Amino acid sequence: GAEPVAGDVMAPGLGLADGDRRHLAAVSL
């Protein structure tokens, strides 16, 4: 159930890839 995402905390929107951004919609924690 864990959904680790990789990004860049200094990039706009945390630099999240589109696929990771879609997964985040269901994140509760």
Full PDB file with SEQRES, HELIX, SHEET, SSBOND, CRYST1, ORIGX, SCALE, CONECT and MASTER records, all heavy atoms in Angstrom:
SEQRES   1 A   29  GLY ALA GLU PRO VAL ALA GLY ASP VAL MET ALA PRO GLY          
SEQRES   2 A   29  LEU GLY LEU ALA ASP GLY ASP ARG ARG HIS LEU ALA ALA          
SEQRES   3 A   29  VAL SER LEU                                                  
HELIX    1 AA1 PRO A   12  GLY A   15  5                                   4    
HELIX    2 AA2 ASP A   18  LEU A   24  1                                   7    
CRYST1    1.000    1.000    1.000  90.00  90.00  90.00 P 1           1          
ORIGX1      1.000000  0.000000  0.000000        0.00000                         
ORIGX2      0.000000  1.000000  0.000000        0.00000                         
ORIGX3      0.000000  0.000000  1.000000        0.00000                         
SCALE1      1.000000  0.000000  0.000000        0.00000                         
SCALE2      0.000000  1.000000  0.000000        0.00000                         
SCALE3      0.000000  0.000000  1.000000        0.00000                         
ATOM      1  N   GLY A   1       0.797  -1.216   0.000  1.00  0.00           N  
ATOM      2  CA  GLY A   1       0.000   0.000   0.000  1.00  0.00           C  
ATOM      3  C   GLY A   1       0.829   1.264   0.000  1.00  0.00           C  
ATOM      4  O   GLY A   1       0.321   2.342  -0.265  1.00  0.00           O  
ATOM      5  N   ALA A   2       2.119   1.144   0.317  1.00  0.00           N  
ATOM      6  CA  ALA A   2       2.987   2.323   0.292  1.00  0.00           C  
ATOM      7  C   ALA A   2       3.202   2.738  -1.150  1.00  0.00           C  
ATOM      8  O   ALA A   2       3.332   1.911  -2.039  1.00  0.00           O  
ATOM      9  CB  ALA A   2       4.336   2.002   0.944  1.00  0.00           C  
ATOM     10  N   GLU A   3       3.232   4.034  -1.367  1.00  0.00           N  
ATOM     11  CA  GLU A   3       3.449   4.582  -2.704  1.00  0.00           C  
ATOM     12  C   GLU A   3       4.617   5.546  -2.670  1.00  0.00           C  
ATOM     13  O   GLU A   3       4.434   6.760  -2.638  1.00  0.00           O  
ATOM     14  CB  GLU A   3       2.187   5.315  -3.194  1.00  0.00           C  
ATOM     15  CG  GLU A   3       1.023   4.425  -3.505  1.00  0.00           C  
ATOM     16  CD  GLU A   3       1.195   3.671  -4.802  1.00  0.00           C  
ATOM     17  OE1 GLU A   3       2.045   4.058  -5.635  1.00  0.00           O  
ATOM     18  OE2 GLU A   3       0.474   2.683  -4.991  1.00  0.00           O  
ATOM     19  N   PRO A   4       5.842   5.025  -2.636  1.00  0.00           N  
ATOM     20  CA  PRO A   4       6.980   5.950  -2.633  1.00  0.00           C  
ATOM     21  C   PRO A   4       7.070   6.698  -3.956  1.00  0.00           C  
ATOM     22  O   PRO A   4       6.802   6.116  -5.012  1.00  0.00           O  
ATOM     23  CB  PRO A   4       8.188   5.031  -2.441  1.00  0.00           C  
ATOM     24  CG  PRO A   4       7.729   3.701  -2.940  1.00  0.00           C  
ATOM     25  CD  PRO A   4       6.252   3.635  -2.683  1.00  0.00           C  
ATOM     26  N   VAL A   5       7.376   7.972  -3.880  1.00  0.00           N  
ATOM     27  CA  VAL A   5       7.528   8.766  -5.093  1.00  0.00           C  
ATOM     28  C   VAL A   5       8.887   9.450  -5.075  1.00  0.00           C  
ATOM     29  O   VAL A   5       9.401   9.797  -4.028  1.00  0.00           O  
ATOM     30  CB  VAL A   5       6.404   9.811  -5.259  1.00  0.00           C  
ATOM     31  CG1 VAL A   5       5.058   9.134  -5.460  1.00  0.00           C  
ATOM     32  CG2 VAL A   5       6.347  10.767  -4.099  1.00  0.00           C  
ATOM     33  N   ALA A   6       9.439   9.599  -6.235  1.00  0.00           N  
ATOM     34  CA  ALA A   6      10.712  10.298  -6.380  1.00  0.00           C  
ATOM     35  C   ALA A   6      10.440  11.643  -7.035  1.00  0.00           C  
ATOM     36  O   ALA A   6       9.565  11.755  -7.899  1.00  0.00           O  
ATOM     37  CB  ALA A   6      11.673   9.472  -7.237  1.00  0.00           C  
ATOM     38  N   GLY A   7      11.160  12.629  -6.592  1.00  0.00           N  
ATOM     39  CA  GLY A   7      10.992  13.948  -7.174  1.00  0.00           C  
ATOM     40  C   GLY A   7      12.165  14.824  -6.798  1.00  0.00           C  
ATOM     41  O   GLY A   7      13.234  14.335  -6.439  1.00  0.00           O  
ATOM     42  N   ASP A   8      11.944  16.101  -6.860  1.00  0.00           N  
ATOM     43  CA  ASP A   8      12.957  17.087  -6.528  1.00  0.00           C  
ATOM     44  C   ASP A   8      12.266  18.165  -5.703  1.00  0.00           C  
ATOM     45  O   ASP A   8      11.444  18.918  -6.230  1.00  0.00           O  
ATOM     46  CB  ASP A   8      13.549  17.669  -7.804  1.00  0.00           C  
ATOM     47  CG  ASP A   8      14.605  18.736  -7.545  1.00  0.00           C  
ATOM     48  OD1 ASP A   8      14.753  19.194  -6.386  1.00  0.00           O  
ATOM     49  OD2 ASP A   8      15.283  19.131  -8.498  1.00  0.00           O  
ATOM     50  N   VAL A   9      12.577  18.218  -4.421  1.00  0.00           N  
ATOM     51  CA  VAL A   9      11.870  19.138  -3.535  1.00  0.00           C  
ATOM     52  C   VAL A   9      12.097  20.603  -3.894  1.00  0.00           C  
ATOM     53  O   VAL A   9      11.365  21.468  -3.427  1.00  0.00           O  
ATOM     54  CB  VAL A   9      12.220  18.893  -2.050  1.00  0.00           C  
ATOM     55  CG1 VAL A   9      11.733  17.528  -1.604  1.00  0.00           C  
ATOM     56  CG2 VAL A   9      13.695  19.082  -1.790  1.00  0.00           C  
ATOM     57  N   MET A  10      13.067  20.884  -4.728  1.00  0.00           N  
ATOM     58  CA  MET A  10      13.309  22.264  -5.129  1.00  0.00           C  
ATOM     59  C   MET A  10      12.715  22.597  -6.503  1.00  0.00           C  
ATOM     60  O   MET A  10      12.796  23.723  -6.957  1.00  0.00           O  
ATOM     61  CB  MET A  10      14.809  22.567  -5.114  1.00  0.00           C  
ATOM     62  CG  MET A  10      15.412  22.489  -3.704  1.00  0.00           C  
ATOM     63  SD  MET A  10      14.577  23.518  -2.476  1.00  0.00           S  
ATOM     64  CE  MET A  10      15.110  25.141  -2.976  1.00  0.00           C  
ATOM     65  N   ALA A  11      12.101  21.617  -7.146  1.00  0.00           N  
ATOM     66  CA  ALA A  11      11.482  21.848  -8.452  1.00  0.00           C  
ATOM     67  C   ALA A  11      10.009  22.206  -8.259  1.00  0.00           C  
ATOM     68  O   ALA A  11       9.386  21.795  -7.275  1.00  0.00           O  
ATOM     69  CB  ALA A  11      11.613  20.594  -9.320  1.00  0.00           C  
ATOM     70  N   PRO A  12       9.437  22.951  -9.197  1.00  0.00           N  
ATOM     71  CA  PRO A  12       8.008  23.257  -9.103  1.00  0.00           C  
ATOM     72  C   PRO A  12       7.186  21.973  -8.977  1.00  0.00           C  
ATOM     73  O   PRO A  12       7.456  20.993  -9.669  1.00  0.00           O  
ATOM     74  CB  PRO A  12       7.713  23.972 -10.425  1.00  0.00           C  
ATOM     75  CG  PRO A  12       9.037  24.546 -10.845  1.00  0.00           C  
ATOM     76  CD  PRO A  12      10.063  23.547 -10.376  1.00  0.00           C  
ATOM     77  N   GLY A  13       6.210  21.983  -8.073  1.00  0.00           N  
ATOM     78  CA  GLY A  13       5.367  20.809  -7.878  1.00  0.00           C  
ATOM     79  C   GLY A  13       6.135  19.593  -7.394  1.00  0.00           C  
ATOM     80  O   GLY A  13       5.706  18.463  -7.575  1.00  0.00           O  
ATOM     81  N   LEU A  14       7.270  19.817  -6.787  1.00  0.00           N  
ATOM     82  CA  LEU A  14       8.180  18.780  -6.289  1.00  0.00           C  
ATOM     83  C   LEU A  14       8.805  17.942  -7.395  1.00  0.00           C  
ATOM     84  O   LEU A  14       9.400  16.914  -7.134  1.00  0.00           O  
ATOM     85  CB  LEU A  14       7.490  17.858  -5.275  1.00  0.00           C  
ATOM     86  CG  LEU A  14       6.915  18.531  -4.033  1.00  0.00           C  
ATOM     87  CD1 LEU A  14       6.295  17.493  -3.116  1.00  0.00           C  
ATOM     88  CD2 LEU A  14       7.975  19.335  -3.305  1.00  0.00           C  
ATOM     89  N   GLY A  15       8.671  18.374  -8.634  1.00  0.00           N  
ATOM     90  CA  GLY A  15       9.287  17.643  -9.744  1.00  0.00           C  
ATOM     91  C   GLY A  15       8.713  16.258  -9.930  1.00  0.00           C  
ATOM     92  O   GLY A  15       9.396  15.357 -10.429  1.00  0.00           O  
ATOM     93  N   LEU A  16       7.462  16.060  -9.550  1.00  0.00           N  
ATOM     94  CA  LEU A  16       6.847  14.734  -9.639  1.00  0.00           C  
ATOM     95  C   LEU A  16       6.498  14.376 -11.078  1.00  0.00           C  
ATOM     96  O   LEU A  16       5.988  15.211 -11.830  1.00  0.00           O  
ATOM     97  CB  LEU A  16       5.583  14.678  -8.782  1.00  0.00           C  
ATOM     98  CG  LEU A  16       5.808  14.855  -7.293  1.00  0.00           C  
ATOM     99  CD1 LEU A  16       4.473  15.024  -6.581  1.00  0.00           C  
ATOM    100  CD2 LEU A  16       6.576  13.674  -6.728  1.00  0.00           C  
ATOM    101  N   ALA A  17       6.748  13.140 -11.439  1.00  0.00           N  
ATOM    102  CA  ALA A  17       6.357  12.638 -12.754  1.00  0.00           C  
ATOM    103  C   ALA A  17       4.833  12.525 -12.800  1.00  0.00           C  
ATOM    104  O   ALA A  17       4.177  12.369 -11.766  1.00  0.00           O  
ATOM    105  CB  ALA A  17       6.996  11.267 -13.005  1.00  0.00           C  
ATOM    106  N   ASP A  18       4.266  12.584 -13.990  1.00  0.00           N  
ATOM    107  CA  ASP A  18       2.811  12.520 -14.137  1.00  0.00           C  
ATOM    108  C   ASP A  18       2.219  11.272 -13.498  1.00  0.00           C  
ATOM    109  O   ASP A  18       1.186  11.338 -12.834  1.00  0.00           O  
ATOM    110  CB  ASP A  18       2.415  12.575 -15.619  1.00  0.00           C  
ATOM    111  CG  ASP A  18       2.649  13.954 -16.222  1.00  0.00           C  
ATOM    112  OD1 ASP A  18       2.739  14.942 -15.455  1.00  0.00           O  
ATOM    113  OD2 ASP A  18       2.740  14.037 -17.464  1.00  0.00           O  
ATOM    114  N   GLY A  19       2.888  10.131 -13.657  1.00  0.00           N  
ATOM    115  CA  GLY A  19       2.384   8.888 -13.076  1.00  0.00           C  
ATOM    116  C   GLY A  19       2.346   8.955 -11.555  1.00  0.00           C  
ATOM    117  O   GLY A  19       1.380   8.513 -10.925  1.00  0.00           O  
ATOM    118  N   ASP A  20       3.389   9.523 -10.956  1.00  0.00           N  
ATOM    119  CA  ASP A  20       3.408   9.666  -9.499  1.00  0.00           C  
ATOM    120  C   ASP A  20       2.344  10.654  -9.036  1.00  0.00           C  
ATOM    121  O   ASP A  20       1.680  10.440  -8.022  1.00  0.00           O  
ATOM    122  CB  ASP A  20       4.782  10.121  -9.018  1.00  0.00           C  
ATOM    123  CG  ASP A  20       5.807   8.995  -9.038  1.00  0.00           C  
ATOM    124  OD1 ASP A  20       5.395   7.820  -8.968  1.00  0.00           O  
ATOM    125  OD2 ASP A  20       7.005   9.293  -9.126  1.00  0.00           O  
ATOM    126  N   ARG A  21       2.158  11.708  -9.782  1.00  0.00           N  
ATOM    127  CA  ARG A  21       1.144  12.707  -9.422  1.00  0.00           C  
ATOM    128  C   ARG A  21      -0.252  12.070  -9.414  1.00  0.00           C  
ATOM    129  O   ARG A  21      -1.065  12.344  -8.533  1.00  0.00           O  
ATOM    130  CB  ARG A  21       1.198  13.879 -10.398  1.00  0.00           C  
ATOM    131  CG  ARG A  21       0.371  15.054  -9.975  1.00  0.00           C  
ATOM    132  CD  ARG A  21       0.578  16.249 -10.891  1.00  0.00           C  
ATOM    133  NE  ARG A  21       1.947  16.708 -10.927  1.00  0.00           N  
ATOM    134  CZ  ARG A  21       2.556  17.399  -9.962  1.00  0.00           C  
ATOM    135  NH1 ARG A  21       1.919  17.670  -8.867  1.00  0.00           N  
ATOM    136  NH2 ARG A  21       3.792  17.790 -10.089  1.00  0.00           N  
ATOM    137  N   ARG A  22      -0.531  11.187 -10.396  1.00  0.00           N  
ATOM    138  CA  ARG A  22      -1.828  10.495 -10.431  1.00  0.00           C  
ATOM    139  C   ARG A  22      -1.998   9.603  -9.212  1.00  0.00           C  
ATOM    140  O   ARG A  22      -3.076   9.543  -8.632  1.00  0.00           O  
ATOM    141  CB  ARG A  22      -1.968   9.684 -11.720  1.00  0.00           C  
ATOM    142  CG  ARG A  22      -2.297  10.543 -12.941  1.00  0.00           C  
ATOM    143  CD  ARG A  22      -2.700   9.698 -14.135  1.00  0.00           C  
ATOM    144  NE  ARG A  22      -1.624   8.830 -14.624  1.00  0.00           N  
ATOM    145  CZ  ARG A  22      -0.667   9.227 -15.455  1.00  0.00           C  
ATOM    146  NH1 ARG A  22      -0.637  10.472 -15.879  1.00  0.00           N  
ATOM    147  NH2 ARG A  22       0.263   8.390 -15.856  1.00  0.00           N  
ATOM    148  N   HIS A  23      -0.937   8.910  -8.812  1.00  0.00           N  
ATOM    149  CA  HIS A  23      -1.010   8.046  -7.621  1.00  0.00           C  
ATOM    150  C   HIS A  23      -1.303   8.852  -6.359  1.00  0.00           C  
ATOM    151  O   HIS A  23      -1.967   8.362  -5.443  1.00  0.00           O  
ATOM    152  CB  HIS A  23       0.296   7.276  -7.418  1.00  0.00           C  
ATOM    153  CG  HIS A  23       0.466   6.115  -8.329  1.00  0.00           C  
ATOM    154  ND1 HIS A  23      -0.402   5.061  -8.353  1.00  0.00           N  
ATOM    155  CD2 HIS A  23       1.417   5.846  -9.246  1.00  0.00           C  
ATOM    156  CE1 HIS A  23      -0.001   4.189  -9.253  1.00  0.00           C  
ATOM    157  NE2 HIS A  23       1.102   4.643  -9.808  1.00  0.00           N  
ATOM    158  N   LEU A  24      -0.812  10.064  -6.301  1.00  0.00           N  
ATOM    159  CA  LEU A  24      -0.970  10.864  -5.095  1.00  0.00           C  
ATOM    160  C   LEU A  24      -2.422  11.217  -4.788  1.00  0.00           C  
ATOM    161  O   LEU A  24      -2.761  11.465  -3.629  1.00  0.00           O  
ATOM    162  CB  LEU A  24      -0.156  12.159  -5.198  1.00  0.00           C  
ATOM    163  CG  LEU A  24       1.354  12.003  -5.123  1.00  0.00           C  
ATOM    164  CD1 LEU A  24       2.030  13.364  -5.267  1.00  0.00           C  
ATOM    165  CD2 LEU A  24       1.782  11.338  -3.840  1.00  0.00           C  
ATOM    166  N   ALA A  25      -3.281  11.211  -5.792  1.00  0.00           N  
ATOM    167  CA  ALA A  25      -4.682  11.561  -5.562  1.00  0.00           C  
ATOM    168  C   ALA A  25      -5.332  10.648  -4.528  1.00  0.00           C  
ATOM    169  O   ALA A  25      -6.246  11.055  -3.813  1.00  0.00           O  
ATOM    170  CB  ALA A  25      -5.457  11.519  -6.875  1.00  0.00           C  
ATOM    171  N   ALA A  26      -4.846   9.421  -4.396  1.00  0.00           N  
ATOM    172  CA  ALA A  26      -5.427   8.464  -3.456  1.00  0.00           C  
ATOM    173  C   ALA A  26      -4.686   8.411  -2.122  1.00  0.00           C  
ATOM    174  O   ALA A  26      -5.065   7.649  -1.235  1.00  0.00           O  
ATOM    175  CB  ALA A  26      -5.433   7.076  -4.088  1.00  0.00           C  
ATOM    176  N   VAL A  27      -3.668   9.221  -1.943  1.00  0.00           N  
ATOM    177  CA  VAL A  27      -2.850   9.168  -0.732  1.00  0.00           C  
ATOM    178  C   VAL A  27      -3.603   9.756   0.459  1.00  0.00           C  
ATOM    179  O   VAL A  27      -4.211  10.823   0.366  1.00  0.00           O  
ATOM    180  CB  VAL A  27      -1.519   9.931  -0.956  1.00  0.00           C  
ATOM    181  CG1 VAL A  27      -0.808  10.208   0.350  1.00  0.00           C  
ATOM    182  CG2 VAL A  27      -0.637   9.145  -1.899  1.00  0.00           C  
ATOM    183  N   SER A  28      -3.549   9.033   1.577  1.00  0.00           N  
ATOM    184  CA  SER A  28      -4.173   9.545   2.800  1.00  0.00           C  
ATOM    185  C   SER A  28      -3.119   9.942   3.846  1.00  0.00           C  
ATOM    186  O   SER A  28      -3.413  10.695   4.755  1.00  0.00           O  
ATOM    187  CB  SER A  28      -5.119   8.504   3.392  1.00  0.00           C  
ATOM    188  OG  SER A  28      -4.415   7.319   3.698  1.00  0.00           O  
ATOM    189  N   LEU A  29      -1.926   9.425   3.727  1.00  0.00           N  
ATOM    190  CA  LEU A  29      -0.834   9.732   4.655  1.00  0.00           C  
ATOM    191  C   LEU A  29       0.417  10.032   3.850  1.00  0.00           C  
ATOM    192  O   LEU A  29       0.801   9.252   2.978  1.00  0.00           O  
ATOM    193  CB  LEU A  29      -0.560   8.537   5.577  1.00  0.00           C  
ATOM    194  CG  LEU A  29       0.707   8.606   6.435  1.00  0.00           C  
ATOM    195  CD1 LEU A  29       0.617   9.739   7.440  1.00  0.00           C  
ATOM    196  CD2 LEU A  29       0.947   7.285   7.131  1.00  0.00           C  
TER     197      LEU A  29                                                      
MASTER        0    0    0    2    0    0    0    6  196    1    0    3          
END                                                                             
